[in-house]
Amino acid sequence: MLSKLLSKLSLSKKEVLLIALGCLIMAFGIVNVHGPSKITEGGVIGLVLFSDKVLGLDPSLMSIILDLVCYILGFSMLGWTFLRKALVASGFFAIFYKFFLWTGPVMMSLYDYPIIAAVVGGIFIGVGCGLVVTQGGAAGGDDALAMVISNRFNISLSRAYLVTDGVVLLLSLTYIAPTRLIYSLLTTLVSSFLIGQIEVRITKPTKAMETVKTLKPVNPVEHPLSKI
């Protein structure tokens, strides 16, 4: 039954496993590190907070609207394969996020150690998000937007994340003290760096294998040296 479902979604077991693992790591980090430490987010979550604090808009409604807009952009540029994987990733993230909210934080609060919280939180987000996006999925609208920017402007995914998160964090200065926002910028730098590292390590071997497969083997009989 599982194999039939994966076949309909055009997904392999490895892709689903890595997407699920990435979503689990991200959800764990947000609930256990970012939430208790009061470190704000970039991307769609940051825009939702900005629209609530500054514009007075309903955050639950804005979250749906912004995610939907980003997914439409992603679909228009990356096609059905992206949309299928994005929906799977979003489903996994929602399940894991709900589960960790139910269990509550299991790590000690790092609120009094914001630098450590920023680095540790960045590691969770960077590793988790990196696993998801390298499989072509997106756990949220900000992931979809970063993938679109990366594809459209031909820049690395880590730089695309840095641009989107950086813009949102600058907007957050309207309601968050600059001293506190520094830690959010630090966690963004850490997560963007790790996403870039995971992207390179996973995609490079694949490209290398494709190059090897396209090389035509030399027939020793036809090779000039074979006549010597």
Protein backbone atom coordinates (compact mmCIF):
# COMPACT_ATOMS: atom_id res chain seq x y z
CA MET A 1 0.00 0.00 0.00
CA LEU A 2 2.82 2.39 0.90
CA SER A 3 4.65 1.54 -2.32
CA LYS A 4 1.53 2.31 -4.37
CA LEU A 5 1.09 5.66 -2.63
CA LEU A 6 4.72 6.59 -3.18
CA SER A 7 4.41 5.53 -6.81
CA LYS A 8 1.41 7.82 -7.31
CA LEU A 9 3.33 10.71 -5.76
CA SER A 10 6.45 9.83 -7.81
CA LEU A 11 8.50 9.65 -4.62
CA SER A 12 11.08 7.10 -3.49
CA LYS A 13 11.27 5.75 0.05
CA LYS A 14 14.62 7.50 0.49
CA GLU A 15 13.16 10.88 -0.51
CA VAL A 16 10.23 10.50 1.90
CA LEU A 17 12.53 9.36 4.71
CA LEU A 18 14.89 12.34 4.30
CA ILE A 19 11.99 14.81 4.01
CA ALA A 20 10.37 13.38 7.15
CA LEU A 21 13.67 13.45 9.06
CA GLY A 22 14.31 17.04 8.03
CA CYS A 23 10.84 18.14 9.15
CA LEU A 24 11.26 16.36 12.47
CA ILE A 25 14.57 18.12 13.15
CA MET A 26 13.14 21.55 12.25
CA ALA A 27 10.01 21.11 14.38
CA PHE A 28 12.08 19.94 17.33
CA GLY A 29 14.41 22.93 17.06
CA ILE A 30 11.61 25.49 16.83
CA VAL A 31 9.70 24.11 19.83
CA ASN A 32 12.74 23.41 22.02
CA VAL A 33 15.09 26.27 21.12
CA HIS A 34 13.56 29.17 19.16
CA GLY A 35 10.27 29.26 21.06
CA PRO A 36 11.62 29.29 24.65
CA SER A 37 14.49 31.62 23.66
CA LYS A 38 12.15 34.15 22.01
CA ILE A 39 14.30 34.26 18.90
CA THR A 40 12.25 35.52 15.97
CA GLU A 41 12.19 33.89 12.56
CA GLY A 42 12.81 35.14 9.07
CA GLY A 43 10.80 34.10 6.04
CA VAL A 44 7.05 33.65 6.18
CA ILE A 45 6.92 33.24 9.96
CA GLY A 46 8.73 36.55 10.38
CA LEU A 47 6.36 38.25 7.92
CA VAL A 48 3.37 36.88 9.82
CA LEU A 49 4.75 38.31 13.06
CA PHE A 50 5.43 41.63 11.34
CA SER A 51 1.89 41.81 9.91
CA ASP A 52 0.48 41.08 13.36
CA LYS A 53 2.64 43.46 15.42
CA VAL A 54 2.86 46.37 12.98
CA LEU A 55 -0.14 46.09 10.64
CA GLY A 56 -2.58 44.47 13.06
CA LEU A 57 -3.56 41.71 10.62
CA ASP A 58 -4.82 38.27 11.68
CA PRO A 59 -1.65 36.07 11.90
CA SER A 60 -3.50 32.80 11.20
CA LEU A 61 -5.02 34.23 8.01
CA MET A 62 -1.77 35.87 6.89
CA SER A 63 0.11 32.60 7.40
CA ILE A 64 -2.24 30.80 5.00
CA ILE A 65 -2.18 33.62 2.43
CA LEU A 66 1.62 34.01 2.42
CA ASP A 67 2.25 30.26 2.25
CA LEU A 68 -0.27 29.93 -0.58
CA VAL A 69 1.35 32.74 -2.58
CA CYS A 70 4.81 31.19 -2.15
CA TYR A 71 3.57 27.73 -3.17
CA ILE A 72 1.90 29.16 -6.28
CA LEU A 73 5.17 30.86 -7.23
CA GLY A 74 7.03 27.61 -6.59
CA PHE A 75 4.60 25.61 -8.71
CA SER A 76 4.74 28.12 -11.56
CA MET A 77 8.53 27.82 -11.80
CA LEU A 78 9.32 24.34 -10.48
CA GLY A 79 6.28 22.34 -11.59
CA TRP A 80 4.21 19.48 -10.20
CA THR A 81 7.17 17.56 -8.78
CA PHE A 82 7.94 20.47 -6.46
CA LEU A 83 4.30 20.84 -5.43
CA ARG A 84 3.92 17.14 -4.58
CA LYS A 85 7.05 17.13 -2.44
CA ALA A 86 6.12 20.45 -0.84
CA LEU A 87 2.72 19.10 0.22
CA VAL A 88 4.33 15.97 1.68
CA ALA A 89 6.91 18.06 3.57
CA SER A 90 4.27 20.47 4.86
CA GLY A 91 2.21 17.55 6.11
CA PHE A 92 5.15 15.98 7.93
CA PHE A 93 6.16 19.33 9.46
CA ALA A 94 2.63 20.02 10.69
CA ILE A 95 2.43 16.58 12.33
CA PHE A 96 5.82 16.81 14.03
CA TYR A 97 5.26 20.42 15.09
CA LYS A 98 1.91 19.51 16.65
CA PHE A 99 3.50 16.52 18.40
CA PHE A 100 6.36 18.54 19.92
CA LEU A 101 3.94 21.25 21.02
CA TRP A 102 1.93 18.52 22.75
CA THR A 103 4.97 17.02 24.50
CA GLY A 104 6.40 20.44 25.31
CA PRO A 105 10.11 21.39 25.34
CA VAL A 106 12.39 18.62 26.58
CA MET A 107 15.59 20.67 26.47
CA MET A 108 16.61 23.18 29.11
CA SER A 109 15.61 26.75 28.27
CA LEU A 110 18.37 28.74 26.59
CA TYR A 111 16.64 32.08 27.06
CA ASP A 112 19.45 33.36 29.31
CA TYR A 113 22.06 32.14 26.81
CA PRO A 114 20.89 33.79 23.55
CA ILE A 115 24.14 33.26 21.64
CA ILE A 116 24.09 29.54 22.36
CA ALA A 117 20.38 29.44 21.51
CA ALA A 118 20.99 31.21 18.21
CA VAL A 119 23.75 28.78 17.19
CA VAL A 120 21.97 25.62 18.35
CA GLY A 121 18.67 26.76 16.83
CA GLY A 122 20.43 27.59 13.58
CA ILE A 123 21.92 24.09 13.48
CA PHE A 124 18.51 22.46 13.90
CA ILE A 125 16.92 24.64 11.21
CA GLY A 126 19.89 24.42 8.84
CA VAL A 127 20.23 20.64 8.97
CA GLY A 128 16.49 19.97 8.92
CA CYS A 129 15.69 22.43 6.16
CA GLY A 130 18.74 21.33 4.18
CA LEU A 131 17.53 17.72 4.14
CA VAL A 132 14.08 18.77 2.93
CA VAL A 133 15.03 21.21 0.17
CA THR A 134 17.77 19.00 -1.28
CA GLN A 135 15.03 16.45 -1.95
CA GLY A 136 13.05 19.12 -3.80
CA GLY A 137 10.52 19.71 -1.02
CA ALA A 138 9.49 22.74 1.01
CA ALA A 139 8.19 22.59 4.57
CA GLY A 140 6.80 26.12 4.36
CA GLY A 141 6.28 29.11 2.15
CA ASP A 142 9.70 30.57 2.96
CA ASP A 143 11.39 27.40 1.68
CA ALA A 144 9.37 27.61 -1.53
CA LEU A 145 10.25 31.29 -1.95
CA ALA A 146 13.96 30.64 -1.43
CA MET A 147 13.88 27.84 -4.03
CA VAL A 148 12.14 30.14 -6.52
CA ILE A 149 14.70 32.93 -5.97
CA SER A 150 17.57 30.46 -6.26
CA ASN A 151 16.16 29.10 -9.52
CA ARG A 152 15.16 32.46 -11.00
CA PHE A 153 18.38 34.38 -10.26
CA ASN A 154 20.76 31.42 -10.45
CA ILE A 155 22.20 31.85 -6.96
CA SER A 156 22.88 29.25 -4.28
CA LEU A 157 20.01 28.21 -2.04
CA SER A 158 21.88 29.38 1.06
CA ARG A 159 22.19 32.90 -0.38
CA ALA A 160 18.52 32.91 -1.30
CA TYR A 161 17.60 32.08 2.30
CA LEU A 162 19.95 34.77 3.56
CA VAL A 163 18.32 37.39 1.32
CA THR A 164 14.71 36.54 2.25
CA ASP A 165 15.41 36.15 5.97
CA GLY A 166 17.58 39.27 6.03
CA VAL A 167 14.83 41.43 4.52
CA VAL A 168 12.25 40.11 6.99
CA LEU A 169 14.56 40.63 9.95
CA LEU A 170 15.15 44.23 8.90
CA LEU A 171 11.38 44.74 8.87
CA SER A 172 11.27 43.22 12.36
CA LEU A 173 13.32 46.14 13.65
CA THR A 174 10.05 48.08 13.75
CA TYR A 175 8.89 46.10 16.79
CA ILE A 176 11.92 44.20 18.15
CA ALA A 177 14.92 45.73 19.92
CA PRO A 178 18.06 45.65 17.74
CA THR A 179 20.04 43.94 20.54
CA ARG A 180 17.60 41.03 20.51
CA LEU A 181 17.39 40.89 16.73
CA ILE A 182 21.14 40.30 16.49
CA TYR A 183 20.60 36.76 17.78
CA SER A 184 17.96 36.14 15.11
CA LEU A 185 20.45 37.28 12.48
CA LEU A 186 23.06 34.94 13.94
CA THR A 187 20.72 31.93 13.78
CA THR A 188 19.90 32.88 10.17
CA LEU A 189 23.59 32.98 9.24
CA VAL A 190 24.20 29.57 10.85
CA SER A 191 21.18 27.92 9.22
CA SER A 192 21.92 29.42 5.77
CA PHE A 193 25.54 28.24 5.94
CA LEU A 194 24.51 24.68 6.86
CA ILE A 195 21.86 24.56 4.13
CA GLY A 196 24.56 25.53 1.65
CA GLN A 197 26.91 22.83 2.92
CA ILE A 198 24.26 20.11 2.77
CA GLU A 199 23.19 21.27 -0.70
CA VAL A 200 26.74 21.03 -2.02
CA ARG A 201 27.50 17.66 -0.42
CA ILE A 202 24.31 16.05 -1.69
CA THR A 203 24.14 17.52 -5.19
CA LYS A 204 27.80 17.29 -6.17
CA PRO A 205 28.07 13.47 -6.07
CA THR A 206 24.85 13.22 -8.08
CA LYS A 207 26.20 15.49 -10.81
CA ALA A 208 29.48 13.61 -10.81
CA MET A 209 27.67 10.29 -11.26
CA GLU A 210 25.61 11.74 -14.13
CA THR A 211 28.84 12.87 -15.82
CA VAL A 212 30.36 9.41 -15.45
CA LYS A 213 27.25 7.79 -16.90
CA THR A 214 27.34 10.04 -20.00
CA LEU A 215 30.98 9.23 -20.79
CA LYS A 216 31.22 6.79 -23.67
CA PRO A 217 33.59 3.92 -22.88
CA VAL A 218 36.53 3.59 -25.23
CA ASN A 219 36.61 0.39 -27.25
CA PRO A 220 40.13 -1.01 -26.73
CA VAL A 221 40.08 -2.49 -30.20
CA GLU A 222 39.49 0.90 -31.82
CA HIS A 223 41.93 2.81 -29.58
CA PRO A 224 45.14 3.77 -31.45
CA LEU A 225 47.36 2.41 -28.67
CA SER A 226 45.75 -1.02 -28.98
CA LYS A 227 47.53 -1.52 -32.28
CA ILE A 228 50.96 -1.02 -30.74
